[in-house]
Protein backbone atom coordinates (compact mmCIF):
# COMPACT_ATOMS: atom_id res chain seq x y z
CA MET A 1 18.30 38.09 -116.30
CA THR A 2 15.06 37.91 -118.21
CA PRO A 3 11.67 38.40 -116.53
CA ASN A 4 11.08 34.64 -116.71
CA ASN A 5 14.19 33.98 -114.60
CA PHE A 6 13.21 36.24 -111.69
CA PRO A 7 12.29 34.38 -108.53
CA ARG A 8 8.63 34.62 -107.68
CA PHE A 9 7.64 35.89 -104.27
CA ASN A 10 4.15 35.65 -102.93
CA ARG A 11 3.80 38.71 -100.72
CA LEU A 12 0.93 37.11 -98.78
CA SER A 13 2.54 33.74 -98.15
CA ALA A 14 2.01 32.02 -94.80
CA ALA A 15 5.73 32.25 -94.03
CA ASN A 16 5.62 36.06 -94.05
CA THR A 17 2.52 36.57 -91.89
CA PRO A 18 2.54 36.33 -88.08
CA PRO A 19 0.32 33.71 -86.43
CA LYS A 20 -3.26 34.84 -85.80
CA THR A 21 -2.98 34.36 -82.04
CA LYS A 22 -0.05 36.76 -81.89
CA GLN A 23 -1.70 39.20 -84.29
CA ALA A 24 -4.93 39.43 -82.27
CA GLY A 25 -3.16 40.47 -79.04
CA MET A 26 -0.59 42.70 -80.68
CA TYR A 27 -2.36 46.07 -80.34
CA LYS A 28 -4.17 45.99 -77.01
CA GLU A 29 -3.20 49.49 -75.89
CA PHE A 30 -1.92 52.71 -77.39
CA ASP A 31 -0.24 55.69 -75.78
CA ALA A 32 -0.75 59.08 -77.37
CA ILE A 33 2.34 61.07 -78.27
CA GLU A 34 0.55 63.96 -79.98
CA LEU A 35 -3.01 65.31 -79.61
CA TYR A 36 -4.92 68.42 -80.68
CA CYS A 37 -4.81 71.24 -78.13
CA PRO A 38 -7.82 73.61 -78.21
CA ARG A 39 -5.85 76.44 -76.60
CA CYS A 40 -2.81 76.20 -78.94
CA LYS A 41 -5.12 75.35 -81.88
CA ARG A 42 -2.78 72.71 -83.31
CA PRO A 43 -1.55 69.16 -82.66
CA VAL A 44 1.06 69.22 -79.90
CA PRO A 45 3.25 66.72 -78.03
CA VAL A 46 1.62 65.53 -74.82
CA ARG A 47 2.71 64.54 -71.34
CA LYS A 48 1.04 61.61 -69.61
CA ARG A 49 0.22 62.18 -65.92
CA LEU A 50 -1.28 59.68 -63.47
CA LEU A 51 -4.56 61.17 -62.29
CA LEU A 52 -6.32 58.44 -60.25
CA VAL A 53 -5.80 54.84 -59.21
CA LEU A 54 -9.16 53.12 -59.67
CA PRO A 55 -10.25 49.49 -59.12
CA GLU A 56 -10.77 49.05 -62.89
CA GLY A 57 -7.40 50.61 -63.76
CA ASP A 58 -5.19 53.66 -63.59
CA LYS A 59 -6.63 56.88 -65.03
CA TYR A 60 -4.13 59.05 -66.88
CA GLU A 61 -4.46 62.62 -68.10
CA TYR A 62 -2.79 63.89 -71.27
CA LEU A 63 -1.46 67.45 -70.98
CA CYS A 64 -0.28 69.81 -73.71
CA ALA A 65 3.51 70.10 -73.51
CA PHE A 66 3.36 73.87 -74.13
CA CYS A 67 0.39 75.29 -72.19
CA LEU A 68 -0.39 72.32 -69.85
CA GLU A 69 -4.06 72.27 -70.94
CA THR A 70 -5.80 68.89 -70.50
CA VAL A 71 -6.24 67.41 -73.97
CA GLY A 72 -7.44 63.90 -73.10
CA THR A 73 -7.71 61.06 -70.59
CA LYS A 74 -7.14 57.32 -70.66
CA ILE A 75 -7.91 54.43 -68.31
CA ASP A 76 -5.14 51.84 -68.37
CA ARG A 77 -6.92 48.55 -67.57
CA HIS A 78 -5.08 46.01 -65.45
CA MET A 79 -4.66 42.49 -66.79
CA LYS A 80 -6.04 40.92 -63.62
CA PRO A 81 -8.43 42.55 -61.15
CA VAL A 82 -7.05 43.92 -57.90
CA SER A 83 -8.29 42.03 -54.87
CA VAL A 84 -8.59 43.78 -51.52
CA ILE A 85 -8.32 41.68 -48.38
CA ILE A 86 -9.93 43.19 -45.31
């Protein structure tokens, strides 16, 4: 096969890219699997622990898997607000 006979592929063709509506909502949230621990002085695997349940979302705490030092927090926002009926 000569170079002129190779099929041409456009790497950025519309058939290969996801629709923009899907792409915009694809990465709404991330969960950490490894963070820097100041006590261990290196990046370590973390455990996610529910800390508080708040009206704006659940607050999680990231703990070092080795020394259980708090290495970060995250508020997981709910898609729809919680309504309280009294």
